[in-house]
N, C-alpha and C. Protein backbone atom coordinates (compact mmCIF):
# COMPACT_ATOMS: atom_id res chain seq x y z
N MET A 1 0.73 -1.19 0.02
CA MET A 1 0.07 -0.08 0.07
C MET A 1 0.75 1.38 0.01
N ALA A 2 0.58 2.15 -0.76
CA ALA A 2 1.39 3.53 -0.99
C ALA A 2 1.14 4.38 0.18
N PRO A 3 1.98 5.08 0.60
CA PRO A 3 1.89 6.06 1.68
C PRO A 3 0.95 7.10 1.24
N LEU A 4 0.28 7.60 2.33
CA LEU A 4 -0.77 8.68 1.99
C LEU A 4 0.03 10.07 2.09
N HIS A 5 -0.09 10.88 1.18
CA HIS A 5 0.41 12.16 1.21
C HIS A 5 -0.63 13.05 0.91
N TYR A 6 -0.97 14.20 1.94
CA TYR A 6 -2.15 15.03 1.73
C TYR A 6 -1.50 16.44 1.62
N ARG A 7 -1.95 17.28 0.94
CA ARG A 7 -1.62 18.61 0.78
C ARG A 7 -2.71 19.46 1.59
N VAL A 8 -2.38 20.14 2.50
CA VAL A 8 -3.28 21.00 3.31
C VAL A 8 -3.50 22.40 2.51
N THR A 9 -4.77 22.51 1.94
CA THR A 9 -4.98 23.54 1.20
C THR A 9 -5.23 24.97 1.81
N TRP A 10 -6.10 24.87 2.88
CA TRP A 10 -6.26 25.94 3.68
C TRP A 10 -6.86 25.66 5.10
N VAL A 11 -6.66 26.23 6.00
CA VAL A 11 -6.94 26.20 7.53
C VAL A 11 -7.95 27.36 7.92
N LEU A 12 -9.09 27.11 8.50
CA LEU A 12 -9.91 28.32 8.98
C LEU A 12 -10.05 28.07 10.37
N SER A 13 -9.93 29.05 11.23
CA SER A 13 -10.20 29.00 12.71
C SER A 13 -11.55 29.50 13.03
N ARG A 14 -12.22 28.96 13.96
CA ARG A 14 -13.59 29.56 14.34
C ARG A 14 -13.29 30.52 15.33
N LEU A 15 -14.02 31.55 15.44
CA LEU A 15 -13.86 32.53 16.47
C LEU A 15 -14.25 32.09 17.95
N ARG A 16 -15.13 31.16 17.90
CA ARG A 16 -15.72 30.71 19.29
C ARG A 16 -14.78 30.00 20.08
N SER A 17 -14.01 29.30 19.62
CA SER A 17 -12.87 28.50 20.40
C SER A 17 -11.63 28.16 19.47
N LEU A 18 -10.59 28.13 20.13
CA LEU A 18 -9.46 28.04 19.16
C LEU A 18 -9.14 26.33 18.88
N SER A 19 -9.94 25.51 19.64
CA SER A 19 -9.82 24.18 19.42
C SER A 19 -10.55 23.67 18.10
N CYS A 20 -11.46 24.37 17.66
CA CYS A 20 -12.30 24.06 16.59
C CYS A 20 -11.77 24.59 15.28
N ARG A 21 -11.51 23.76 14.54
CA ARG A 21 -10.80 23.90 13.26
C ARG A 21 -11.45 23.28 12.07
N THR A 22 -11.17 23.94 10.92
CA THR A 22 -11.70 23.25 9.54
C THR A 22 -10.54 23.16 8.71
N PHE A 23 -10.44 21.86 8.15
CA PHE A 23 -9.29 21.48 7.21
C PHE A 23 -9.88 21.07 5.97
N ALA A 24 -9.34 21.61 4.99
CA ALA A 24 -9.57 21.02 3.55
C ALA A 24 -8.32 20.39 3.04
N LEU A 25 -8.52 19.10 2.84
CA LEU A 25 -7.45 18.26 2.30
C LEU A 25 -7.64 17.68 0.99
N SER A 26 -6.47 17.64 0.20
CA SER A 26 -6.50 16.94 -1.05
C SER A 26 -5.33 16.12 -1.52
N ARG A 27 -5.72 15.22 -2.23
CA ARG A 27 -4.47 14.36 -2.54
C ARG A 27 -4.58 13.52 -3.99
N LYS A 28 -3.77 13.19 -4.69
CA LYS A 28 -3.64 12.66 -6.05
C LYS A 28 -3.59 11.04 -5.72
N VAL A 29 -4.65 10.46 -6.39
CA VAL A 29 -4.76 8.93 -6.23
C VAL A 29 -5.15 8.58 -7.84
N SER A 30 -4.10 7.69 -8.33
CA SER A 30 -4.19 7.26 -9.84
C SER A 30 -4.51 8.39 -10.76
N GLY A 31 -3.99 9.40 -10.58
CA GLY A 31 -4.18 10.63 -11.51
C GLY A 31 -5.41 11.49 -11.26
N ARG A 32 -6.24 11.27 -10.12
CA ARG A 32 -7.32 11.88 -9.95
C ARG A 32 -7.23 12.44 -8.51
N GLU A 33 -7.72 13.75 -8.45
CA GLU A 33 -7.57 14.43 -7.04
C GLU A 33 -8.81 13.97 -6.25
N GLN A 34 -8.42 13.70 -4.83
CA GLN A 34 -9.51 13.45 -3.93
C GLN A 34 -9.53 14.52 -3.04
N ARG A 35 -10.69 14.96 -2.52
CA ARG A 35 -10.97 16.17 -1.68
C ARG A 35 -11.73 15.73 -0.46
N ILE A 36 -11.49 16.16 0.72
CA ILE A 36 -12.17 16.01 1.88
C ILE A 36 -12.21 17.12 2.88
N ILE A 37 -13.11 17.49 3.56
CA ILE A 37 -13.19 18.62 4.34
C ILE A 37 -13.41 17.85 5.71
N VAL A 38 -12.63 18.32 6.76
CA VAL A 38 -12.73 17.85 8.08
C VAL A 38 -13.11 19.11 9.02
N LEU A 39 -14.26 19.04 9.76
CA LEU A 39 -14.72 19.96 10.43
C LEU A 39 -14.55 19.61 12.15
N GLY A 40 -14.03 20.52 12.79
CA GLY A 40 -13.94 20.11 14.14
C GLY A 40 -15.31 20.27 15.02
N ASP A 41 -16.18 20.89 14.37
CA ASP A 41 -17.52 21.12 14.81
C ASP A 41 -18.32 21.62 13.77
N ALA A 42 -19.58 20.80 13.76
CA ALA A 42 -20.54 21.11 12.62
C ALA A 42 -21.58 22.11 12.88
N ASP A 43 -21.48 22.78 13.91
CA ASP A 43 -22.44 23.80 14.30
C ASP A 43 -22.54 24.91 13.46
N CYS A 44 -21.61 25.12 12.70
CA CYS A 44 -21.47 26.19 11.71
C CYS A 44 -22.81 26.02 10.53
N PHE A 45 -23.23 24.71 10.27
CA PHE A 45 -24.06 24.37 9.57
C PHE A 45 -25.67 24.24 10.23
N ASP A 46 -25.54 24.53 11.42
CA ASP A 46 -26.91 24.95 11.96
C ASP A 46 -27.87 25.77 11.28
N ASN A 47 -29.21 25.68 11.41
CA ASN A 47 -30.16 26.45 10.88
C ASN A 47 -29.82 27.88 11.30
N ALA A 48 -29.73 28.23 12.57
CA ALA A 48 -29.56 29.47 13.03
C ALA A 48 -28.22 30.14 12.63
N GLU A 49 -27.22 29.34 12.60
CA GLU A 49 -26.00 29.83 12.12
C GLU A 49 -26.07 30.21 10.45
N MET A 50 -26.75 29.22 9.87
CA MET A 50 -26.81 29.58 8.33
C MET A 50 -27.56 30.89 8.11
N LEU A 51 -28.58 31.17 8.78
CA LEU A 51 -29.34 32.24 8.66
C LEU A 51 -28.63 33.64 9.08
N GLY A 52 -27.62 33.44 10.15
CA GLY A 52 -26.84 34.52 10.52
C GLY A 52 -27.62 35.64 11.36
N ASN A 53 -28.55 34.84 12.03
CA ASN A 53 -29.64 35.96 12.86
C ASN A 53 -29.32 35.78 14.43
N ARG A 54 -27.81 35.58 14.60
CA ARG A 54 -27.59 35.92 16.11
C ARG A 54 -27.19 37.40 16.49
N LYS A 55 -27.52 37.74 17.58
CA LYS A 55 -27.35 39.05 18.05
C LYS A 55 -25.97 39.63 18.33
N ASN A 56 -25.62 40.61 17.68
CA ASN A 56 -24.08 41.05 17.99
C ASN A 56 -23.02 40.20 17.58
N ILE A 57 -23.33 39.50 16.79
CA ILE A 57 -22.14 38.49 16.16
C ILE A 57 -22.37 38.35 14.72
N LYS A 58 -21.37 38.83 13.99
CA LYS A 58 -21.43 38.83 12.55
C LYS A 58 -20.93 37.20 12.27
N SER A 59 -21.74 36.57 11.59
CA SER A 59 -21.55 35.18 11.09
C SER A 59 -21.44 34.91 9.52
N ASP A 60 -20.29 34.39 9.18
CA ASP A 60 -20.15 34.23 7.69
C ASP A 60 -20.18 32.70 7.53
N ASP A 61 -21.04 32.02 8.28
CA ASP A 61 -21.20 30.54 8.19
C ASP A 61 -21.77 30.13 6.63
N TYR A 62 -22.84 30.99 6.37
CA TYR A 62 -23.35 30.53 5.06
C TYR A 62 -22.30 30.73 3.96
N GLN A 63 -21.39 31.68 4.06
CA GLN A 63 -20.35 31.89 2.83
C GLN A 63 -19.40 30.72 3.10
N LEU A 64 -19.22 30.21 4.43
CA LEU A 64 -18.24 28.84 4.55
C LEU A 64 -18.85 27.71 3.93
N GLY A 65 -20.11 27.59 4.09
CA GLY A 65 -20.86 26.32 3.74
C GLY A 65 -20.95 26.27 2.20
N THR A 66 -21.23 27.46 1.61
CA THR A 66 -21.26 27.53 0.10
C THR A 66 -19.85 27.42 -0.46
N GLY A 67 -18.80 28.10 0.20
CA GLY A 67 -17.45 27.89 -0.36
C GLY A 67 -17.01 26.55 -0.24
N LEU A 68 -17.37 25.75 0.86
CA LEU A 68 -16.89 24.32 1.04
C LEU A 68 -17.56 23.36 -0.18
N PHE A 69 -18.92 23.89 -0.59
CA PHE A 69 -19.45 23.03 -1.52
C PHE A 69 -18.74 23.48 -2.90
N TYR A 70 -18.49 24.64 -3.13
CA TYR A 70 -17.86 25.23 -4.23
C TYR A 70 -16.52 24.42 -4.43
N TRP A 71 -15.80 24.49 -3.42
CA TRP A 71 -14.34 23.68 -3.67
C TRP A 71 -14.48 22.31 -3.64
N LEU A 72 -15.51 21.50 -3.03
CA LEU A 72 -15.67 20.08 -3.21
C LEU A 72 -16.25 19.80 -4.47
N SER A 73 -16.96 20.63 -5.30
CA SER A 73 -17.54 20.21 -6.45
C SER A 73 -16.66 20.81 -7.70
N TYR A 74 -15.39 21.25 -7.30
CA TYR A 74 -14.35 21.71 -8.30
C TYR A 74 -14.99 23.01 -9.18
N GLY A 75 -15.60 23.76 -8.41
CA GLY A 75 -16.10 25.13 -8.96
C GLY A 75 -17.34 24.89 -9.76
N GLU A 76 -18.01 23.77 -9.82
CA GLU A 76 -19.39 23.63 -10.66
C GLU A 76 -20.48 24.09 -9.46
N VAL A 77 -20.94 25.08 -9.86
CA VAL A 77 -21.95 25.81 -8.85
C VAL A 77 -23.14 26.03 -9.82
N PRO A 78 -24.28 26.34 -9.37
CA PRO A 78 -24.82 26.34 -7.97
C PRO A 78 -25.17 24.99 -7.60
N ILE A 79 -24.93 24.56 -6.51
CA ILE A 79 -25.39 23.49 -5.93
C ILE A 79 -26.62 23.54 -5.02
N ASP A 80 -27.83 22.89 -5.35
CA ASP A 80 -29.02 23.06 -4.55
C ASP A 80 -29.01 22.16 -3.50
N ILE A 81 -28.93 22.82 -2.17
CA ILE A 81 -29.02 22.16 -1.00
C ILE A 81 -30.21 22.49 -0.33
N ARG A 82 -31.26 22.95 -0.94
CA ARG A 82 -32.41 23.09 -0.29
C ARG A 82 -33.18 21.80 -0.07
N ARG A 83 -34.01 21.80 0.87
CA ARG A 83 -34.64 20.48 1.46
C ARG A 83 -36.24 20.62 0.92
N PRO A 84 -36.65 19.49 0.48
CA PRO A 84 -38.03 19.37 -0.02
C PRO A 84 -39.04 19.85 0.99
N LEU A 85 -40.14 20.40 0.76
CA LEU A 85 -41.31 20.73 1.65
C LEU A 85 -41.72 19.34 2.29
N LEU A 86 -42.12 19.36 3.59
CA LEU A 86 -42.66 18.16 4.16
C LEU A 86 -44.03 17.97 3.71
N PRO A 87 -44.54 16.83 3.54
CA PRO A 87 -45.78 16.62 3.02
C PRO A 87 -46.84 16.64 4.20
N ASP A 88 -46.50 16.40 5.40
CA ASP A 88 -47.29 16.29 6.72
C ASP A 88 -47.29 17.46 7.35
N ASN A 89 -47.59 18.56 7.06
CA ASN A 89 -47.64 19.74 7.73
C ASN A 89 -48.81 20.19 8.11
N LYS A 90 -50.03 19.61 8.03
CA LYS A 90 -51.29 19.74 8.49
C LYS A 90 -51.88 18.75 9.38
N ILE A 91 -52.63 18.94 10.49
CA ILE A 91 -53.30 18.05 11.23
C ILE A 91 -54.81 18.52 11.14
N ASP A 92 -55.52 17.56 10.86
CA ASP A 92 -56.97 17.78 10.72
C ASP A 92 -57.70 16.96 11.72
N MET A 93 -58.28 17.82 12.67
CA MET A 93 -59.12 17.20 13.91
C MET A 93 -60.20 17.70 14.22
N THR A 94 -61.18 16.95 14.59
CA THR A 94 -62.59 17.51 14.96
C THR A 94 -62.44 18.02 16.43
N LYS A 95 -63.37 18.84 16.79
CA LYS A 95 -63.50 19.26 18.28
C LYS A 95 -63.46 18.13 19.18
N GLN A 96 -64.20 17.01 18.80
CA GLN A 96 -64.32 16.12 19.84
C GLN A 96 -62.86 15.39 19.89
N SER A 97 -62.22 15.11 18.77
CA SER A 97 -60.75 14.50 18.80
C SER A 97 -59.88 15.26 19.70
N MET A 98 -59.97 16.75 19.36
CA MET A 98 -59.23 17.56 20.14
C MET A 98 -59.30 17.61 21.51
N SER A 99 -60.72 17.45 21.94
CA SER A 99 -60.92 17.45 23.44
C SER A 99 -60.30 16.15 24.08
N MET A 100 -60.41 14.97 23.17
CA MET A 100 -59.84 13.66 23.62
C MET A 100 -58.27 13.80 23.94
N VAL A 101 -57.86 14.37 23.02
CA VAL A 101 -56.20 14.64 22.96
C VAL A 101 -55.93 15.50 24.25
N LYS A 102 -56.67 16.51 24.36
CA LYS A 102 -56.37 17.37 25.57
C LYS A 102 -56.45 16.62 26.83
N LEU A 103 -57.59 15.92 26.93
CA LEU A 103 -57.87 14.94 28.00
C LEU A 103 -56.62 14.08 28.27
N LEU A 104 -56.27 13.39 27.17
CA LEU A 104 -55.08 12.43 27.36
C LEU A 104 -53.99 13.09 27.83
N TYR A 105 -53.40 14.22 27.35
CA TYR A 105 -52.20 14.87 27.63
C TYR A 105 -52.17 15.61 28.97
N ILE A 106 -53.46 16.22 29.34
CA ILE A 106 -53.49 17.01 30.47
C ILE A 106 -53.86 16.06 31.89
N TRP A 107 -54.64 15.03 31.62
CA TRP A 107 -55.14 14.36 32.80
C TRP A 107 -54.63 12.95 32.87
N ILE A 108 -55.00 12.16 31.82
CA ILE A 108 -54.47 10.68 31.73
C ILE A 108 -53.13 10.42 31.95
N LEU A 109 -52.29 10.84 31.05
CA LEU A 109 -50.88 10.52 31.13
C LEU A 109 -50.25 11.04 32.40
N PRO A 110 -50.32 12.41 32.80
CA PRO A 110 -49.83 12.76 33.95
C PRO A 110 -50.20 12.07 34.98
N GLY A 111 -51.62 11.60 35.33
CA GLY A 111 -52.21 10.84 36.27
C GLY A 111 -51.42 9.53 36.36
N MET A 112 -51.25 8.94 35.25
CA MET A 112 -50.64 7.55 35.26
C MET A 112 -49.11 7.66 35.60
N LEU A 113 -48.45 8.81 35.38
CA LEU A 113 -47.12 8.99 35.79
C LEU A 113 -46.96 9.08 37.26
N ALA A 114 -47.99 9.92 37.88
CA ALA A 114 -48.16 10.09 39.23
C ALA A 114 -48.34 8.86 40.02
N ILE A 115 -49.30 8.00 39.32
CA ILE A 115 -49.57 6.85 40.05
C ILE A 115 -48.37 5.92 40.17
N TRP A 116 -47.67 5.87 39.00
CA TRP A 116 -46.52 4.96 38.94
C TRP A 116 -45.33 5.52 39.72
N GLY A 117 -45.29 6.81 39.86
CA GLY A 117 -44.27 7.32 40.70
C GLY A 117 -44.55 6.84 42.14
N ILE A 118 -45.73 7.09 42.45
CA ILE A 118 -46.29 6.71 43.98
C ILE A 118 -46.09 5.13 44.26
N LEU A 119 -46.32 4.32 43.18
CA LEU A 119 -46.10 2.95 43.54
C LEU A 119 -44.49 2.64 43.67
N ILE A 120 -43.75 3.19 42.79
CA ILE A 120 -42.36 3.13 43.07
C ILE A 120 -41.91 3.60 44.44
N TRP A 121 -42.36 4.62 44.86
CA TRP A 121 -42.12 5.31 46.17
C TRP A 121 -42.39 4.45 47.26
N VAL A 122 -43.79 3.83 47.09
CA VAL A 122 -44.13 2.94 48.22
C VAL A 122 -43.39 1.64 48.35
N ARG A 123 -43.04 0.93 47.19
CA ARG A 123 -42.36 -0.17 47.14
C ARG A 123 -40.95 0.21 47.83
N ARG A 124 -40.29 1.33 47.60
CA ARG A 124 -38.97 1.51 48.11
C ARG A 124 -39.09 1.86 49.60
N LYS A 125 -40.25 2.49 50.13
CA LYS A 125 -40.44 2.57 51.44
C LYS A 125 -40.53 1.31 52.24
N ARG A 126 -41.11 0.50 51.73
CA ARG A 126 -41.23 -0.92 52.34
C ARG A 126 -40.02 -1.61 52.48
N ARG A 127 -38.86 -1.44 51.55
CA ARG A 127 -37.75 -2.09 51.83
C ARG A 127 -36.96 -1.49 52.89
């Protein structure tokens, strides 16, 4: 097996902590270039980070994400990374079924948990 030789293309440091790094590595294998991105923390791809709506903190995570995709695709852009809309975004319930669900979650389940907790407590007291 041939030794692995990587060329570090660039290194980015995150501002939140010095231990969180991003490495972009590439190597030639059989005449083809392989590329990989190693992230120390993937929070930069969180929805809140990608939108850049944090107070008093300038976030360039969207540019980081699109730049990583640009580099990985050898400059073939744009890459569509949108998610499809979910088909189950509506709940159709009658007033009777809503009252049953309310009864279940407000009275029956908490009551069962309370009874279960009391039974465990009584058993432990007997020991």
